[in-house]
Protein backbone atom coordinates (compact mmCIF):
# COMPACT_ATOMS: atom_id res chain seq x y z
CA UNK A 1 0.04 -0.08 -0.01
CA UNK A 2 3.05 2.26 0.81
CA UNK A 3 4.10 1.87 -2.68
CA UNK A 4 0.75 2.49 -3.97
CA UNK A 5 0.45 5.88 -2.19
CA UNK A 6 3.96 6.97 -3.23
CA UNK A 7 2.96 6.04 -6.79
CA UNK A 8 -0.15 8.19 -6.52
CA UNK A 9 2.17 11.13 -5.00
CA UNK A 10 4.71 10.76 -7.70
CA UNK A 11 1.93 11.95 -10.12
CA UNK A 12 1.09 15.03 -8.30
CA UNK A 13 2.13 18.24 -9.94
CA UNK A 14 4.53 20.38 -8.51
CA UNK A 15 3.99 24.02 -7.52
CA UNK A 16 5.95 25.42 -10.18
CA UNK A 17 4.14 23.24 -12.88
CA UNK A 18 0.77 24.72 -11.69
CA UNK A 19 1.73 28.32 -11.48
CA UNK A 20 2.90 27.85 -15.28
CA UNK A 21 -0.67 26.60 -16.26
CA UNK A 22 -2.56 29.27 -18.47
CA UNK A 23 -5.65 29.11 -16.40
CA UNK A 24 -3.75 29.79 -13.22
CA UNK A 25 -1.52 32.58 -14.89
CA UNK A 26 -4.83 34.38 -15.78
CA UNK A 27 -5.51 34.75 -12.16
CA UNK A 28 -2.66 37.17 -11.94
CA UNK A 29 -4.91 39.95 -12.99
CA UNK A 30 -6.84 39.51 -9.80
CA UNK A 31 -4.27 38.32 -7.28
CA UNK A 32 -0.73 38.89 -6.46
CA UNK A 33 1.77 35.91 -7.41
CA UNK A 34 2.51 35.37 -3.89
CA UNK A 35 -1.30 34.88 -2.95
CA UNK A 36 -1.64 32.41 -6.04
CA UNK A 37 1.43 30.54 -4.95
CA UNK A 38 0.23 30.17 -1.22
CA UNK A 39 -3.18 28.90 -2.60
CA UNK A 40 -1.47 26.29 -4.89
CA UNK A 41 0.80 25.10 -2.05
CA UNK A 42 -2.15 24.78 0.45
CA UNK A 43 -4.26 22.97 -2.16
CA UNK A 44 -1.57 20.51 -2.80
CA UNK A 45 -0.67 20.01 0.69
CA UNK A 46 -4.44 19.13 1.36
CA UNK A 47 -4.42 16.47 -1.49
CA UNK A 48 -1.13 14.94 -0.24
CA UNK A 49 -2.56 14.76 3.31
CA UNK A 50 -5.69 13.33 1.97
CA UNK A 51 -3.69 10.61 -0.07
CA UNK A 52 -1.56 9.79 2.87
CA UNK A 53 -4.50 9.30 5.09
CA UNK A 54 -6.16 7.10 2.52
CA UNK A 55 -9.07 9.51 2.18
CA UNK A 56 -8.78 9.32 -1.49
CA UNK A 57 -7.29 6.68 -3.45
CA UNK A 58 -6.58 8.99 -6.69
CA UNK A 59 -5.50 12.47 -7.63
CA UNK A 60 -8.05 14.89 -8.78
CA UNK A 61 -8.06 15.88 -12.68
CA UNK A 62 -6.38 18.92 -13.82
CA UNK A 63 -9.83 20.70 -14.05
CA UNK A 64 -10.41 19.77 -10.35
CA UNK A 65 -7.46 21.01 -9.39
CA UNK A 66 -7.70 24.51 -11.06
CA UNK A 67 -11.37 24.67 -9.44
CA UNK A 68 -9.87 23.95 -5.97
CA UNK A 69 -7.21 26.57 -6.47
CA UNK A 70 -9.70 29.11 -7.56
CA UNK A 71 -12.15 28.38 -4.55
CA UNK A 72 -9.24 28.91 -2.12
CA UNK A 73 -8.33 32.29 -3.73
CA UNK A 74 -11.96 33.29 -3.79
CA UNK A 75 -11.79 32.60 -0.01
CA UNK A 76 -8.92 34.92 0.38
CA UNK A 77 -9.77 38.49 0.61
CA UNK A 78 -8.36 41.85 2.02
CA UNK A 79 -9.57 42.87 5.38
CA UNK A 80 -10.92 46.08 4.20
CA UNK A 81 -13.64 44.76 1.86
CA UNK A 82 -16.63 46.51 -0.05
CA UNK A 83 -19.91 45.87 1.39
CA UNK A 84 -23.46 46.66 0.37
CA UNK A 85 -24.93 49.15 2.68
CA UNK A 86 -28.62 48.05 3.20
CA UNK A 87 -28.96 49.75 6.55
CA UNK A 88 -30.52 52.97 5.39
CA UNK A 89 -28.30 55.04 7.26
CA UNK A 90 -26.78 57.40 4.49
CA UNK A 91 -23.28 58.49 6.33
CA UNK A 92 -22.80 54.96 8.13
CA UNK A 93 -19.63 55.81 10.30
CA UNK A 94 -19.03 51.91 10.56
CA UNK A 95 -19.25 51.43 6.91
CA UNK A 96 -16.94 54.21 5.56
CA UNK A 97 -19.39 57.25 5.97
CA UNK A 98 -19.70 58.81 2.54
CA UNK A 99 -18.97 56.93 -0.87
CA UNK A 100 -17.01 59.01 -3.47
CA UNK A 101 -18.74 60.14 -6.50
CA UNK A 102 -17.82 57.94 -9.59
CA UNK A 103 -17.13 61.04 -11.51
CA UNK A 104 -14.03 61.71 -9.63
CA UNK A 105 -12.56 58.37 -10.32
CA UNK A 106 -10.47 59.54 -13.52
CA UNK A 107 -8.74 62.50 -11.61
CA UNK A 108 -8.06 60.21 -8.53
CA UNK A 109 -6.43 57.50 -10.73
CA UNK A 110 -4.44 59.80 -12.65
CA UNK A 111 -2.79 61.33 -9.49
CA UNK A 112 -2.58 58.25 -7.42
CA UNK A 113 -0.75 56.14 -10.20
CA UNK A 114 1.64 58.95 -11.62
CA UNK A 115 3.68 61.92 -10.75
CA UNK A 116 1.71 64.98 -9.98
CA UNK A 117 2.78 68.61 -9.20
CA UNK A 118 1.78 68.22 -5.68
CA UNK A 119 4.35 70.63 -4.17
CA UNK A 120 5.70 71.98 -7.74
CA UNK A 121 4.66 75.15 -9.20
CA UNK A 122 4.38 74.66 -12.95
CA UNK A 123 4.38 78.37 -13.70
CA UNK A 124 7.51 79.17 -11.87
CA UNK A 125 9.39 75.87 -11.81
CA UNK A 126 9.95 76.27 -8.14
CA UNK A 127 8.62 74.54 -5.20
CA UNK A 128 4.95 74.99 -4.45
CA UNK A 129 2.29 74.21 -1.75
CA UNK A 130 0.28 71.20 -1.65
CA UNK A 131 -2.37 73.43 -0.01
CA UNK A 132 -2.57 75.83 -3.09
CA UNK A 133 -4.47 73.41 -5.07
CA UNK A 134 -7.71 73.86 -3.19
CA UNK A 135 -7.45 77.51 -2.59
CA UNK A 136 -9.18 78.88 -5.88
CA UNK A 137 -12.12 76.16 -5.75
CA UNK A 138 -12.67 77.02 -2.06
CA UNK A 139 -12.77 80.73 -2.47
CA UNK A 140 -15.65 80.24 -5.22
CA UNK A 141 -17.71 78.08 -3.09
CA UNK A 142 -17.27 79.83 0.24
CA UNK A 143 -15.93 83.28 -0.33
CA UNK A 144 -12.90 82.55 2.08
CA UNK A 145 -9.69 84.57 2.01
CA UNK A 146 -7.49 81.55 2.48
CA UNK A 147 -7.75 77.67 2.82
CA UNK A 148 -5.75 75.00 4.61
CA UNK A 149 -6.76 71.25 4.78
CA UNK A 150 -5.47 68.46 7.25
CA UNK A 151 -6.62 64.86 7.77
CA UNK A 152 -9.99 65.35 9.80
CA UNK A 153 -11.91 67.87 11.45
CA UNK A 154 -10.47 67.00 14.88
CA UNK A 155 -7.04 67.72 13.53
CA UNK A 156 -8.58 70.98 12.03
CA UNK A 157 -9.71 72.24 15.44
CA UNK A 158 -6.50 71.23 17.07
CA UNK A 159 -4.36 72.97 14.74
CA UNK A 160 -6.52 76.05 14.91
CA UNK A 161 -6.64 76.31 18.60
CA UNK A 162 -3.04 75.30 18.83
CA UNK A 163 -1.94 78.20 16.58
CA UNK A 164 -4.29 80.87 18.06
CA UNK A 165 -4.94 80.02 21.57
CA UNK A 166 -1.65 78.29 22.91
CA UNK A 167 -1.29 79.42 26.65
CA UNK A 168 -4.43 81.50 26.34
CA UNK A 169 -8.17 81.24 27.27
CA UNK A 170 -10.78 80.06 24.79
CA UNK A 171 -14.30 80.99 25.38
CA UNK A 172 -16.99 78.35 24.58
CA UNK A 173 -20.69 78.02 25.66
CA UNK A 174 -21.24 75.02 28.23
CA UNK A 175 -23.99 73.88 25.82
CA UNK A 176 -21.50 73.40 23.28
CA UNK A 177 -18.96 71.36 24.97
CA UNK A 178 -19.74 68.42 22.62
CA UNK A 179 -18.60 64.89 22.42
CA UNK A 180 -18.91 63.17 18.90
CA UNK A 181 -17.74 59.58 18.04
CA UNK A 182 -14.57 57.81 19.32
CA UNK A 183 -14.77 59.97 22.72
CA UNK A 184 -13.60 63.18 20.69
CA UNK A 185 -14.31 65.91 23.01
CA UNK A 186 -14.24 69.67 22.61
CA UNK A 187 -12.79 70.38 26.14
CA UNK A 188 -10.14 67.76 25.72
CA UNK A 189 -9.02 69.13 22.37
CA UNK A 190 -8.79 72.59 23.83
CA UNK A 191 -6.47 71.19 26.61
CA UNK A 192 -4.39 69.26 24.23
CA UNK A 193 -3.95 72.30 21.99
CA UNK A 194 -2.19 74.30 25.13
CA UNK A 195 -5.24 76.29 25.67
CA UNK A 196 -7.41 76.85 28.68
CA UNK A 197 -11.03 76.52 28.51
CA UNK A 198 -13.50 78.87 29.78
CA UNK A 199 -16.97 77.77 30.03
CA UNK A 200 -19.51 80.39 29.37
CA UNK A 201 -23.20 80.48 30.21
CA UNK A 202 -25.13 77.34 31.38
CA UNK A 203 -26.40 74.13 29.51
CA UNK A 204 -29.36 75.48 28.36
CA UNK A 205 -28.98 79.15 28.38
CA UNK A 206 -26.22 81.17 27.08
CA UNK A 207 -26.51 85.18 26.64
CA UNK A 208 -24.00 87.66 24.90
CA UNK A 209 -23.32 89.24 28.38
CA UNK A 210 -21.89 85.85 29.51
CA UNK A 211 -19.19 86.12 26.77
CA UNK A 212 -18.58 89.83 27.42
CA UNK A 213 -18.13 89.20 31.17
CA UNK A 214 -15.74 86.12 30.70
CA UNK A 215 -13.33 88.14 28.32
CA UNK A 216 -9.86 89.14 30.09
CA UNK A 217 -6.50 89.89 28.92
CA UNK A 218 -5.88 86.14 28.61
CA UNK A 219 -8.64 85.45 26.28
CA UNK A 220 -7.19 84.12 23.04
CA UNK A 221 -10.35 83.34 20.94
CA UNK A 222 -14.26 82.94 21.16
CA UNK A 223 -14.97 79.28 19.78
CA UNK A 224 -18.57 78.50 18.42
CA UNK A 225 -19.34 74.75 18.22
CA UNK A 226 -22.21 73.74 15.91
CA UNK A 227 -24.15 70.89 17.96
CA UNK A 228 -25.25 68.84 14.91
CA UNK A 229 -25.34 65.53 16.84
CA UNK A 230 -27.81 66.43 19.42
CA UNK A 231 -30.54 69.15 20.41
CA UNK A 232 -31.35 70.93 23.53
CA UNK A 233 -34.90 71.94 23.34
CA UNK A 234 -37.36 73.98 25.61
CA UNK A 235 -36.28 76.72 27.86
CA UNK A 236 -33.22 77.59 25.82
CA UNK A 237 -31.16 80.59 24.32
CA UNK A 238 -27.96 80.91 22.51
CA UNK A 239 -26.00 83.70 20.80
CA UNK A 240 -25.98 84.32 17.29
CA UNK A 241 -22.93 84.24 15.20
CA UNK A 242 -23.58 87.67 14.17
CA UNK A 243 -23.81 88.96 17.84
CA UNK A 244 -20.43 86.77 18.58
CA UNK A 245 -18.63 88.36 15.46
CA UNK A 246 -19.60 91.89 16.44
CA UNK A 247 -18.10 91.14 20.00
CA UNK A 248 -15.18 89.40 18.67
CA UNK A 249 -14.38 92.39 16.32
CA UNK A 250 -14.74 94.84 19.12
CA UNK A 251 -12.41 92.94 21.39
CA UNK A 252 -10.03 92.26 18.47
CA UNK A 253 -10.37 88.58 19.09
CA UNK A 254 -10.65 85.74 16.24
CA UNK A 255 -14.04 84.04 16.00
CA UNK A 256 -13.67 80.26 15.29
CA UNK A 257 -16.65 78.19 14.08
CA UNK A 258 -16.41 74.35 14.35
CA UNK A 259 -19.23 73.37 11.92
CA UNK A 260 -18.46 69.65 12.09
CA UNK A 261 -20.17 68.42 8.82
CA UNK A 262 -19.64 71.09 6.40
CA UNK A 263 -22.31 71.90 3.93
CA UNK A 264 -22.25 73.91 0.56
CA UNK A 265 -26.06 73.32 -0.27
CA UNK A 266 -29.07 74.29 1.64
CA UNK A 267 -30.44 71.01 3.00
CA UNK A 268 -34.16 72.37 3.13
CA UNK A 269 -34.49 71.38 -0.57
CA UNK A 270 -34.42 67.63 0.89
CA UNK A 271 -36.99 68.40 3.48
CA UNK A 272 -34.31 68.61 6.03
CA UNK A 273 -34.14 71.64 8.51
CA UNK A 274 -31.77 74.37 7.86
CA UNK A 275 -28.25 73.91 8.78
CA UNK A 276 -25.83 76.45 8.49
CA UNK A 277 -23.42 76.48 5.27
CA UNK A 278 -19.74 77.23 5.35
CA UNK A 279 -20.39 80.43 3.29
CA UNK A 280 -23.27 81.65 5.57
CA UNK A 281 -20.83 81.21 8.58
CA UNK A 282 -18.16 83.29 6.84
CA UNK A 283 -20.73 85.91 5.67
CA UNK A 284 -22.03 86.34 9.21
CA UNK A 285 -18.65 87.20 10.73
CA UNK A 286 -16.50 84.31 11.55
CA UNK A 287 -12.83 84.56 11.14
CA UNK A 288 -12.17 80.88 10.95
CA UNK A 289 -14.37 77.87 9.88
CA UNK A 290 -13.59 74.38 10.13
CA UNK A 291 -15.52 71.34 8.74
CA UNK A 292 -15.20 67.90 7.61
CA UNK A 293 -14.38 66.97 3.86
CA UNK A 294 -16.48 63.79 4.12
CA UNK A 295 -20.05 63.23 5.80
CA UNK A 296 -22.56 65.55 4.31
CA UNK A 297 -20.11 66.78 1.64
CA UNK A 298 -19.63 63.54 0.29
CA UNK A 299 -15.86 63.73 -0.18
CA UNK A 300 -12.89 61.78 1.50
CA UNK A 301 -12.27 62.27 5.16
CA UNK A 302 -10.42 65.65 5.86
CA UNK A 303 -10.37 68.66 7.99
CA UNK A 304 -11.02 71.81 6.08
CA UNK A 305 -10.09 75.34 7.32
CA UNK A 306 -11.37 78.44 5.75
CA UNK A 307 -11.19 82.01 6.65
CA UNK A 308 -8.99 84.85 7.19
CA UNK A 309 -5.64 85.03 5.47
CA UNK A 310 -3.72 86.30 8.45
CA UNK A 311 -4.77 83.49 10.65
CA UNK A 312 -4.32 80.73 8.33
CA UNK A 313 -0.99 82.01 7.59
CA UNK A 314 0.01 81.63 11.14
CA UNK A 315 -1.31 77.91 11.02
CA UNK A 316 1.13 77.21 7.82
CA UNK A 317 3.88 77.96 10.24
CA UNK A 318 2.84 75.76 13.00
CA UNK A 319 5.16 72.76 13.33
CA UNK A 320 2.11 70.45 14.19
CA UNK A 321 0.92 70.98 10.52
CA UNK A 322 3.54 68.58 9.20
CA UNK A 323 1.89 65.70 11.42
CA UNK A 324 -1.63 66.64 10.27
CA UNK A 325 -1.07 67.23 6.54
CA UNK A 326 -3.11 65.17 3.95
CA UNK A 327 -1.77 63.00 1.11
CA UNK A 328 -2.10 63.62 -2.74
CA UNK A 329 -4.90 61.18 -3.05
CA UNK A 330 -7.08 63.08 -0.43
CA UNK A 331 -6.27 66.39 -2.30
CA UNK A 332 -7.21 64.79 -5.45
CA UNK A 333 -10.60 63.59 -4.24
CA UNK A 334 -11.32 66.83 -2.54
CA UNK A 335 -10.46 68.91 -5.45
CA UNK A 336 -12.69 66.77 -7.97
CA UNK A 337 -15.45 66.64 -5.33
CA UNK A 338 -15.51 70.32 -4.69
CA UNK A 339 -15.53 70.97 -8.58
CA UNK A 340 -18.79 69.07 -8.99
CA UNK A 341 -20.40 71.75 -6.19
CA UNK A 342 -19.89 74.58 -8.85
CA UNK A 343 -23.01 73.28 -10.39
CA UNK A 344 -25.48 72.52 -7.58
CA UNK A 345 -27.80 70.29 -9.68
CA UNK A 346 -24.60 68.11 -10.99
CA UNK A 347 -23.57 67.74 -7.36
CA UNK A 348 -27.07 66.43 -6.17
CA UNK A 349 -26.91 64.04 -9.10
CA UNK A 350 -23.32 63.11 -8.97
CA UNK A 351 -22.50 63.04 -5.12
CA UNK A 352 -23.88 59.77 -3.65
CA UNK A 353 -24.65 61.39 -0.40
CA UNK A 354 -26.60 64.16 -1.91
CA UNK A 355 -28.27 61.73 -4.40
CA UNK A 356 -29.44 59.41 -1.56
CA UNK A 357 -30.78 62.18 0.37
CA UNK A 358 -32.52 63.57 -2.53
CA UNK A 359 -34.52 60.38 -3.26
CA UNK A 360 -38.26 60.80 -2.64
CA UNK A 361 -40.50 58.26 -0.95
CA UNK A 362 -41.83 57.19 -4.57
CA UNK A 363 -38.18 56.80 -5.72
CA UNK A 364 -37.39 54.32 -2.76
CA UNK A 365 -40.64 52.57 -3.56
CA UNK A 366 -39.78 52.02 -7.22
CA UNK A 367 -36.20 50.92 -6.28
CA UNK A 368 -37.78 48.55 -3.54
CA UNK A 369 -40.45 46.94 -6.13
CA UNK A 370 -37.47 46.45 -8.65
CA UNK A 371 -35.23 44.68 -6.16
CA UNK A 372 -38.01 42.65 -4.82
CA UNK A 373 -39.19 41.56 -8.19
CA UNK A 374 -35.51 40.44 -9.22
CA UNK A 375 -35.11 38.52 -5.68
CA UNK A 376 -38.07 36.50 -5.79
CA UNK A 377 -37.57 34.04 -8.50
CA UNK A 378 -33.85 33.57 -7.29
CA UNK A 379 -34.35 32.63 -3.51
CA UNK A 380 -36.55 30.48 -1.08
CA UNK A 381 -36.55 33.40 1.36
CA UNK A 382 -39.94 35.09 1.85
CA UNK A 383 -39.62 38.62 0.27
CA UNK A 384 -42.12 41.46 1.20
CA UNK A 385 -41.74 45.39 0.84
CA UNK A 386 -42.28 47.58 3.86
CA UNK A 387 -42.55 51.28 4.46
CA UNK A 388 -39.91 52.49 7.02
CA UNK A 389 -37.51 55.36 7.68
CA UNK A 390 -33.90 56.07 6.88
CA UNK A 391 -31.44 58.02 8.96
CA UNK A 392 -28.94 60.72 7.72
CA UNK A 393 -26.25 59.28 10.02
CA UNK A 394 -22.78 60.87 10.75
CA UNK A 395 -23.93 62.82 13.71
CA UNK A 396 -26.28 64.88 11.55
CA UNK A 397 -29.93 65.32 11.95
CA UNK A 398 -30.58 62.95 14.63
CA UNK A 399 -34.30 63.94 15.13
CA UNK A 400 -35.27 63.73 11.60
CA UNK A 401 -35.80 60.42 9.42
CA UNK A 402 -36.43 60.18 5.84
CA UNK A 403 -39.50 58.06 4.60
CA UNK A 404 -38.13 54.93 2.83
CA UNK A 405 -39.25 51.41 1.62
CA UNK A 406 -37.32 48.38 2.35
CA UNK A 407 -37.13 44.85 1.02
CA UNK A 408 -37.81 42.43 4.12
CA UNK A 409 -36.32 39.06 4.05
CA UNK A 410 -37.25 35.99 6.22
CA UNK A 411 -36.35 32.29 6.02
CA UNK A 412 -36.14 29.27 8.20
CA UNK A 413 -33.03 30.67 10.00
CA UNK A 414 -33.70 33.25 12.67
CA UNK A 415 -33.13 36.77 11.90
CA UNK A 416 -29.57 37.00 13.46
CA UNK A 417 -28.50 33.95 11.45
CA UNK A 418 -29.76 35.18 8.30
CA UNK A 419 -28.06 38.57 8.91
CA UNK A 420 -24.88 36.56 9.62
CA UNK A 421 -25.29 34.70 6.44
CA UNK A 422 -25.69 37.74 4.29
CA UNK A 423 -22.70 39.25 5.98
CA UNK A 424 -20.61 36.22 4.59
CA UNK A 425 -21.67 36.95 1.10
CA UNK A 426 -18.82 37.31 -1.61
CA UNK A 427 -19.77 41.08 -1.23
CA UNK A 428 -21.02 41.32 2.28
CA UNK A 429 -24.54 42.50 2.48
CA UNK A 430 -25.39 44.63 5.60
CA UNK A 431 -29.03 44.64 6.79
CA UNK A 432 -30.68 45.70 9.90
CA UNK A 433 -33.19 43.62 11.72
CA UNK A 434 -36.67 44.85 12.79
CA UNK A 435 -39.60 42.48 14.12
CA UNK A 436 -37.63 39.46 13.21
CA UNK A 437 -37.14 40.50 9.43
CA UNK A 438 -33.86 41.48 7.99
CA UNK A 439 -34.67 44.82 6.20
CA UNK A 440 -32.59 46.11 2.90
CA UNK A 441 -33.25 49.75 2.70
CA UNK A 442 -32.88 50.52 -0.86
CA UNK A 443 -32.09 54.23 -0.18
CA UNK A 444 -28.39 53.24 0.36
CA UNK A 445 -28.38 50.68 -2.34
CA UNK A 446 -27.41 51.79 -5.77
CA UNK A 447 -29.48 50.13 -8.44
CA UNK A 448 -26.07 48.99 -9.92
CA UNK A 449 -25.53 47.18 -6.79
CA UNK A 450 -28.88 44.98 -7.25
CA UNK A 451 -26.96 42.36 -9.16
CA UNK A 452 -24.51 41.85 -6.27
CA UNK A 453 -27.37 41.53 -3.71
CA UNK A 454 -29.12 39.12 -5.99
CA UNK A 455 -25.89 37.02 -6.42
CA UNK A 456 -25.09 37.05 -2.58
CA UNK A 457 -28.70 36.13 -1.64
CA UNK A 458 -29.18 33.50 -4.33
CA UNK A 459 -25.89 31.79 -3.78
CA UNK A 460 -26.78 31.22 -0.27
CA UNK A 461 -30.36 30.88 -0.21
CA UNK A 462 -31.35 30.00 -3.82
CA UNK A 463 -34.19 27.60 -4.89
CA UNK A 464 -31.90 24.63 -4.61
CA UNK A 465 -30.68 25.54 -1.01
CA UNK A 466 -31.89 23.97 2.22
CA UNK A 467 -32.97 27.07 3.65
């Protein structure tokens, strides 16, 4: 029997032979050579072990070998993967927040895969500044004198305060001492920047006189924080930006406004309450405004600083900027995204976040009916359409939901098991559970992704499955 085993194994092809197979070499378009080699070695080791333990008495055919290698490669995937967002939360922090517009792909590829004039002035032939590429476009969109961009809005606030309020006091209303995701707290940022926080007013009421009485020779700036992720309602009062701007100008102090999620478009057109745009904040008298490049703007993660040139020039001299600066891919994505906003109608059509928010209840119903129609003949799962609500997400509009329609799924598995199975699809499908049904909210599923949804569900719960 030992000879028989040795004879069988003698005909097992080597790793090098299999790697030269044309059908295997074509896989190099999808996977690295090292990954393919590892898959081949694993498959051959499995076969060798099966022969030695007498689990099989003959070798697989060449076709079977190729199939097993391809299956092994299919299991392999990067840790960071594309998913289908069926949760209905448009800016889903755990799912990468905002999706970039496909329209910026060409520019992103051109800058990412080739040399660029990142820090080179094409006109003079001398060294340039990476931050100059966004100045012109943001001046058009916001009316700002100057621009600076760092890797996120927390970094933007940190850089601004570190530059303007080092060893000085920062006045901020108690009702604006916010915490956002990841335990990012405004008081901690002020402390980290080297400033001293001076709380003004009370949690629910802050008056202009509270700021006036708090100003001393040690005051370095007035900070206004937009509370986008929560609301204080009832017996409340706050000071307007115009009032603060007048006070700041009188006392020769910079007025800093942390908008959080920046906006270039009035959100009332989507049936949502008004939120201040970046341009409005500057027009009302803010000296410096900071905001995120992703979230409601629909660009890459970045922290954008716009405002008075004299202050931004000081920030450019801050040594901290080197640690916070953004790379060429982020710059390329930001510039291309901002370019879309020069035409508001185009931005709403082309920026995924805006497009999702713009979808009407009827739009969502039409999408749900189409997805359900495609799914029903492909799966044993029970499929129905339900009316529900979508969330904006990303810390924006926590009190306001958008009417939507979902495709609801149920099978013999319980809801948690079904949800897990969809997460394990080749392209993971992320649902939410309600009343023991798995909901796929079509607001956050592009029609071009319907094929991936159908493939993922039918592969696991097709008509021939046991579910």
